[in-house]
N, C-alpha and C. Protein backbone atom coordinates (compact mmCIF):
# COMPACT_ATOMS: atom_id res chain seq x y z
N MET A 1 -61.87 12.06 -167.16
CA MET A 1 -61.13 10.96 -167.71
C MET A 1 -60.49 10.16 -166.57
N THR A 2 -60.66 8.85 -166.59
CA THR A 2 -60.09 8.02 -165.54
C THR A 2 -58.68 7.57 -165.92
N ASN A 3 -57.86 7.42 -164.93
CA ASN A 3 -56.50 6.97 -165.14
C ASN A 3 -56.48 5.44 -165.13
N LYS A 4 -55.89 4.84 -166.15
CA LYS A 4 -55.81 3.39 -166.21
C LYS A 4 -54.80 2.88 -165.21
N LEU A 5 -55.06 1.69 -164.69
CA LEU A 5 -54.17 1.06 -163.72
C LEU A 5 -53.69 -0.27 -164.28
N TYR A 6 -52.44 -0.58 -164.01
CA TYR A 6 -51.83 -1.80 -164.52
C TYR A 6 -51.33 -2.67 -163.37
N SER A 7 -51.41 -3.98 -163.55
CA SER A 7 -50.86 -4.92 -162.58
C SER A 7 -49.35 -5.05 -162.83
N THR A 8 -48.65 -5.66 -161.91
CA THR A 8 -47.21 -5.83 -162.09
C THR A 8 -46.87 -6.70 -163.31
N PRO A 9 -47.62 -7.77 -163.61
CA PRO A 9 -47.31 -8.53 -164.83
C PRO A 9 -47.52 -7.68 -166.11
N GLU A 10 -48.54 -6.84 -166.10
CA GLU A 10 -48.79 -5.98 -167.25
C GLU A 10 -47.66 -4.96 -167.42
N VAL A 11 -47.19 -4.39 -166.31
CA VAL A 11 -46.09 -3.43 -166.36
C VAL A 11 -44.83 -4.12 -166.87
N ALA A 12 -44.60 -5.33 -166.40
CA ALA A 12 -43.43 -6.09 -166.85
C ALA A 12 -43.48 -6.30 -168.36
N LYS A 13 -44.65 -6.65 -168.86
CA LYS A 13 -44.81 -6.88 -170.30
C LYS A 13 -44.59 -5.57 -171.08
N ILE A 14 -45.16 -4.49 -170.60
CA ILE A 14 -45.03 -3.20 -171.26
C ILE A 14 -43.58 -2.76 -171.33
N LEU A 15 -42.86 -2.92 -170.21
CA LEU A 15 -41.48 -2.46 -170.14
C LEU A 15 -40.47 -3.47 -170.68
N GLY A 16 -40.93 -4.69 -170.91
CA GLY A 16 -40.03 -5.72 -171.41
C GLY A 16 -39.03 -6.19 -170.36
N ILE A 17 -39.50 -6.23 -169.10
CA ILE A 17 -38.65 -6.69 -168.00
C ILE A 17 -39.41 -7.75 -167.21
N SER A 18 -38.74 -8.39 -166.27
CA SER A 18 -39.39 -9.42 -165.46
C SER A 18 -40.27 -8.79 -164.38
N ARG A 19 -41.17 -9.60 -163.83
CA ARG A 19 -42.00 -9.13 -162.71
C ARG A 19 -41.12 -8.78 -161.52
N ILE A 20 -40.08 -9.57 -161.31
CA ILE A 20 -39.17 -9.32 -160.20
C ILE A 20 -38.52 -7.95 -160.35
N ALA A 21 -38.14 -7.59 -161.58
CA ALA A 21 -37.54 -6.28 -161.83
C ALA A 21 -38.54 -5.16 -161.53
N VAL A 22 -39.81 -5.40 -161.82
CA VAL A 22 -40.85 -4.41 -161.50
C VAL A 22 -40.94 -4.24 -159.98
N PHE A 23 -40.95 -5.36 -159.25
CA PHE A 23 -41.00 -5.29 -157.79
C PHE A 23 -39.79 -4.55 -157.22
N LYS A 24 -38.62 -4.77 -157.81
CA LYS A 24 -37.41 -4.08 -157.36
C LYS A 24 -37.52 -2.58 -157.58
N LYS A 25 -38.11 -2.17 -158.73
CA LYS A 25 -38.29 -0.75 -159.01
C LYS A 25 -39.28 -0.13 -158.01
N ILE A 26 -40.30 -0.89 -157.64
CA ILE A 26 -41.28 -0.40 -156.66
C ILE A 26 -40.60 -0.26 -155.30
N LYS A 27 -39.88 -1.29 -154.89
CA LYS A 27 -39.24 -1.28 -153.58
C LYS A 27 -38.19 -0.18 -153.47
N SER A 28 -37.47 0.10 -154.56
CA SER A 28 -36.43 1.13 -154.53
C SER A 28 -36.99 2.54 -154.65
N GLY A 29 -38.30 2.63 -154.96
CA GLY A 29 -38.92 3.95 -155.09
C GLY A 29 -38.83 4.53 -156.48
N LYS A 30 -38.29 3.78 -157.43
CA LYS A 30 -38.20 4.28 -158.81
C LYS A 30 -39.55 4.25 -159.51
N LEU A 31 -40.45 3.43 -158.99
CA LEU A 31 -41.78 3.29 -159.57
C LEU A 31 -42.79 3.33 -158.44
N GLU A 32 -43.70 4.29 -158.49
CA GLU A 32 -44.71 4.44 -157.44
C GLU A 32 -45.86 3.48 -157.71
N ALA A 33 -46.26 2.74 -156.68
CA ALA A 33 -47.34 1.76 -156.82
C ALA A 33 -48.16 1.72 -155.55
N VAL A 34 -49.36 1.16 -155.68
CA VAL A 34 -50.25 1.01 -154.54
C VAL A 34 -50.45 -0.49 -154.30
N LYS A 35 -50.28 -0.91 -153.06
CA LYS A 35 -50.46 -2.33 -152.71
C LYS A 35 -51.95 -2.62 -152.64
N VAL A 36 -52.35 -3.67 -153.35
CA VAL A 36 -53.73 -4.13 -153.34
C VAL A 36 -53.69 -5.63 -153.09
N GLY A 37 -54.10 -6.03 -151.92
CA GLY A 37 -54.00 -7.44 -151.56
C GLY A 37 -52.54 -7.84 -151.50
N LYS A 38 -52.18 -8.88 -152.25
CA LYS A 38 -50.79 -9.34 -152.28
C LYS A 38 -50.00 -8.70 -153.42
N GLY A 39 -50.68 -7.99 -154.30
CA GLY A 39 -50.01 -7.40 -155.46
C GLY A 39 -49.98 -5.89 -155.42
N TYR A 40 -49.54 -5.32 -156.52
CA TYR A 40 -49.46 -3.87 -156.65
C TYR A 40 -50.15 -3.45 -157.94
N ILE A 41 -50.62 -2.20 -157.95
CA ILE A 41 -51.12 -1.60 -159.18
C ILE A 41 -50.33 -0.31 -159.41
N ILE A 42 -50.12 -0.03 -160.68
CA ILE A 42 -49.34 1.14 -161.08
C ILE A 42 -50.20 1.93 -162.06
N SER A 43 -50.29 3.23 -161.85
CA SER A 43 -51.11 4.05 -162.73
C SER A 43 -50.39 4.32 -164.05
N LYS A 44 -51.18 4.55 -165.08
CA LYS A 44 -50.63 4.88 -166.39
C LYS A 44 -49.84 6.19 -166.29
N ASP A 45 -50.32 7.14 -165.49
CA ASP A 45 -49.61 8.41 -165.32
C ASP A 45 -48.22 8.18 -164.75
N GLU A 46 -48.10 7.26 -163.78
CA GLU A 46 -46.80 6.95 -163.18
C GLU A 46 -45.87 6.34 -164.22
N LEU A 47 -46.41 5.44 -165.02
CA LEU A 47 -45.58 4.84 -166.07
C LEU A 47 -45.15 5.89 -167.09
N MET A 48 -46.07 6.76 -167.45
CA MET A 48 -45.76 7.80 -168.43
C MET A 48 -44.68 8.73 -167.90
N LYS A 49 -44.73 9.02 -166.62
CA LYS A 49 -43.77 9.92 -166.01
C LYS A 49 -42.35 9.35 -166.14
N HIS A 50 -42.20 8.05 -165.93
CA HIS A 50 -40.88 7.45 -165.91
C HIS A 50 -40.49 6.75 -167.21
N TYR A 51 -41.47 6.31 -167.97
CA TYR A 51 -41.17 5.48 -169.13
C TYR A 51 -41.89 5.95 -170.39
N ARG A 52 -41.96 7.25 -170.57
CA ARG A 52 -42.71 7.85 -171.68
C ARG A 52 -42.33 7.28 -173.04
N ILE A 53 -41.08 7.17 -173.33
CA ILE A 53 -40.64 6.71 -174.64
C ILE A 53 -41.02 5.25 -174.86
N LYS A 54 -40.77 4.42 -173.87
CA LYS A 54 -41.09 2.99 -173.99
C LYS A 54 -42.58 2.78 -174.21
N LEU A 55 -43.42 3.50 -173.47
CA LEU A 55 -44.87 3.35 -173.61
C LEU A 55 -45.36 3.82 -174.97
N ALA A 56 -44.77 4.85 -175.50
CA ALA A 56 -45.18 5.35 -176.82
C ALA A 56 -44.97 4.27 -177.87
N LYS A 57 -43.87 3.57 -177.78
CA LYS A 57 -43.58 2.49 -178.73
C LYS A 57 -44.56 1.33 -178.56
N VAL A 58 -44.86 0.97 -177.32
CA VAL A 58 -45.75 -0.15 -177.04
C VAL A 58 -47.19 0.21 -177.41
N ALA A 59 -47.60 1.43 -177.12
CA ALA A 59 -48.98 1.86 -177.39
C ALA A 59 -49.31 1.73 -178.87
N LYS A 60 -48.34 1.97 -179.72
CA LYS A 60 -48.57 1.85 -181.16
C LYS A 60 -48.85 0.40 -181.54
N LYS A 61 -48.30 -0.54 -180.78
CA LYS A 61 -48.48 -1.97 -181.06
C LYS A 61 -49.70 -2.56 -180.37
N MET A 62 -50.24 -1.87 -179.35
CA MET A 62 -51.34 -2.39 -178.55
C MET A 62 -52.64 -2.36 -179.36
N THR A 63 -53.33 -3.49 -179.36
CA THR A 63 -54.61 -3.55 -180.06
C THR A 63 -55.68 -2.87 -179.21
N PRO A 64 -56.76 -2.42 -179.84
CA PRO A 64 -57.85 -1.80 -179.06
C PRO A 64 -58.39 -2.75 -177.99
N GLU A 65 -58.42 -4.06 -178.27
CA GLU A 65 -58.93 -5.03 -177.31
C GLU A 65 -58.02 -5.08 -176.07
N GLU A 66 -56.71 -5.05 -176.27
CA GLU A 66 -55.78 -5.05 -175.13
C GLU A 66 -55.95 -3.78 -174.31
N ASP A 67 -56.08 -2.65 -174.99
CA ASP A 67 -56.23 -1.38 -174.31
C ASP A 67 -57.51 -1.34 -173.49
N GLU A 68 -58.62 -1.84 -174.06
CA GLU A 68 -59.90 -1.85 -173.35
C GLU A 68 -59.86 -2.82 -172.17
N GLY A 69 -59.13 -3.92 -172.29
CA GLY A 69 -59.05 -4.91 -171.22
C GLY A 69 -58.43 -4.35 -169.96
N LEU A 70 -57.66 -3.28 -170.08
CA LEU A 70 -57.01 -2.71 -168.92
C LEU A 70 -57.96 -1.85 -168.10
N ASP A 71 -59.15 -1.57 -168.64
CA ASP A 71 -60.13 -0.76 -167.91
C ASP A 71 -60.73 -1.49 -166.71
N ARG A 72 -60.53 -2.80 -166.62
CA ARG A 72 -61.12 -3.56 -165.52
C ARG A 72 -60.53 -3.21 -164.17
N PHE A 73 -59.38 -2.59 -164.16
CA PHE A 73 -58.74 -2.20 -162.91
C PHE A 73 -59.33 -0.89 -162.51
């Protein structure tokens, strides 16, 4: 099973925070991310580790098309 990866805008949308807030969490070490080009990617496992409750609520609202679209990373 492959681990899904999310961009910073996707993480911001999932968590209901701004992109800047996501960058601050990455910079402070609260959220582990990998730099790719000028942006970052965050694994679903990392999000689950820190934001399990929030993701459970969002996952129930996510359509299959949105979920499949994240496989491109």
